[in-house]
Amino acid sequence: MKNTYTTSLNLPITDYGLLFLRIAIAALMLGHGIPKLTMLFGSQEISFGDPIGIGQTATLTLTVFAEVICSILIAVGLATRLAAFVLAFTMAIAFFCSTCSRSFSK
């Protein structure tokens, strides 16, 4: 049988590249999540968008979960697919709601 699949990837370099990518994405999302975490546990009144209608505090709590907890999970490499899905869903809501609010304000 003829071998139809060959690769010339250097696997250790690929592993280090993926590790760097995971940590970079996690650090980027943690940079956005830490200020929201301080807002959630701060003494000031919560003023946060509520695009799906569940309340400002609940929306902020879910966003903090996605941006802090899921980012840490991605950096460590635990439940990466599930954590990435939660982050992608959160960012999709943020993107589409910011796009909708810009189109309605015109």
Protein backbone atom coordinates (compact mmCIF):
# COMPACT_ATOMS: atom_id res chain seq x y z
CA MET A 1 0.00 0.00 0.00
CA LYS A 2 1.33 3.38 -0.99
CA ASN A 3 1.78 6.03 1.73
CA THR A 4 -0.23 9.04 0.57
CA TYR A 5 0.24 11.20 3.63
CA THR A 6 3.63 12.52 4.57
CA THR A 7 4.57 15.49 6.65
CA SER A 8 7.72 17.42 7.21
CA LEU A 9 6.61 19.10 10.42
CA ASN A 10 9.05 19.32 13.25
CA LEU A 11 6.72 18.17 16.04
CA PRO A 12 8.52 19.75 19.03
CA ILE A 13 8.56 23.13 17.27
CA THR A 14 4.88 22.73 16.40
CA ASP A 15 4.07 21.92 20.03
CA TYR A 16 5.94 25.00 21.26
CA GLY A 17 4.16 27.12 18.67
CA LEU A 18 0.76 25.89 19.79
CA LEU A 19 1.72 26.45 23.43
CA PHE A 20 2.75 30.02 22.62
CA LEU A 21 -0.51 30.59 20.73
CA ARG A 22 -2.58 29.23 23.64
CA ILE A 23 -0.79 31.39 26.20
CA ALA A 24 -0.94 34.50 23.99
CA ILE A 25 -4.69 34.17 23.46
CA ALA A 26 -5.24 33.52 27.15
CA ALA A 27 -3.16 36.57 28.11
CA LEU A 28 -5.06 38.73 25.63
CA MET A 29 -8.41 37.64 27.03
CA LEU A 30 -7.22 37.96 30.64
CA GLY A 31 -6.24 41.53 29.85
CA HIS A 32 -9.88 42.21 29.02
CA GLY A 33 -11.29 40.09 31.84
CA ILE A 34 -9.35 41.39 34.86
CA PRO A 35 -10.88 44.91 34.72
CA LYS A 36 -14.33 43.32 34.49
CA LEU A 37 -13.50 41.11 37.46
CA THR A 38 -12.58 44.16 39.54
CA MET A 39 -15.81 45.84 38.38
CA LEU A 40 -17.80 42.77 39.48
CA PHE A 41 -16.26 42.64 42.96
CA GLY A 42 -15.84 46.40 43.36
CA SER A 43 -17.97 48.61 45.55
CA GLN A 44 -19.34 50.72 42.70
CA GLU A 45 -22.66 50.12 41.04
CA ILE A 46 -22.43 47.76 38.06
CA SER A 47 -22.91 49.50 34.75
CA PHE A 48 -22.54 46.88 32.03
CA GLY A 49 -24.35 46.17 28.78
CA ASP A 50 -27.17 43.65 28.77
CA PRO A 51 -27.52 42.47 25.17
CA ILE A 52 -29.44 39.25 25.88
CA GLY A 53 -31.77 40.59 28.56
CA ILE A 54 -30.72 38.61 31.66
CA GLY A 55 -29.64 41.58 33.75
CA GLN A 56 -26.43 43.57 34.01
CA THR A 57 -25.02 41.60 36.94
CA ALA A 58 -25.70 38.21 35.34
CA THR A 59 -24.25 39.33 32.02
CA LEU A 60 -21.12 40.69 33.72
CA THR A 61 -20.75 37.48 35.74
CA LEU A 62 -20.97 35.29 32.62
CA THR A 63 -18.54 37.55 30.78
CA VAL A 64 -16.06 37.40 33.67
CA PHE A 65 -16.39 33.61 33.73
CA ALA A 66 -15.66 33.42 30.02
CA GLU A 67 -12.81 35.93 29.94
CA VAL A 68 -11.06 34.94 33.18
CA ILE A 69 -11.84 31.32 34.03
CA CYS A 70 -11.94 30.05 30.44
CA SER A 71 -8.76 31.95 29.59
CA ILE A 72 -6.96 30.29 32.48
CA LEU A 73 -8.27 26.91 31.32
CA ILE A 74 -6.95 27.56 27.82
CA ALA A 75 -3.55 28.65 29.13
CA VAL A 76 -3.26 25.53 31.27
CA GLY A 77 -4.66 23.28 28.55
CA LEU A 78 -7.66 21.88 30.42
CA ALA A 79 -10.99 21.55 28.59
CA THR A 80 -9.53 23.69 25.84
CA ARG A 81 -12.23 23.08 23.25
CA LEU A 82 -15.07 23.81 25.66
CA ALA A 83 -13.34 26.90 27.05
CA ALA A 84 -12.58 28.14 23.53
CA PHE A 85 -16.22 27.64 22.55
CA VAL A 86 -17.41 29.67 25.55
CA LEU A 87 -14.92 32.45 24.72
CA ALA A 88 -15.90 32.44 21.04
CA PHE A 89 -19.59 32.62 21.96
CA THR A 90 -18.96 35.54 24.32
CA MET A 91 -16.92 37.40 21.72
CA ALA A 92 -19.57 36.75 19.04
CA ILE A 93 -22.23 38.31 21.27
CA ALA A 94 -19.94 41.27 21.98
CA PHE A 95 -19.20 41.72 18.27
CA PHE A 96 -22.76 41.48 17.02
CA CYS A 97 -24.18 43.64 19.80
CA SER A 98 -21.62 46.36 19.20
CA THR A 99 -22.36 46.18 15.47
CA CYS A 100 -26.12 46.38 16.09
CA SER A 101 -25.80 49.33 18.46
CA ARG A 102 -23.69 51.22 15.93
CA SER A 103 -26.19 50.61 13.13
CA PHE A 104 -29.13 51.69 15.31
CA SER A 105 -27.43 54.85 16.47
CA LYS A 106 -27.08 56.18 12.91
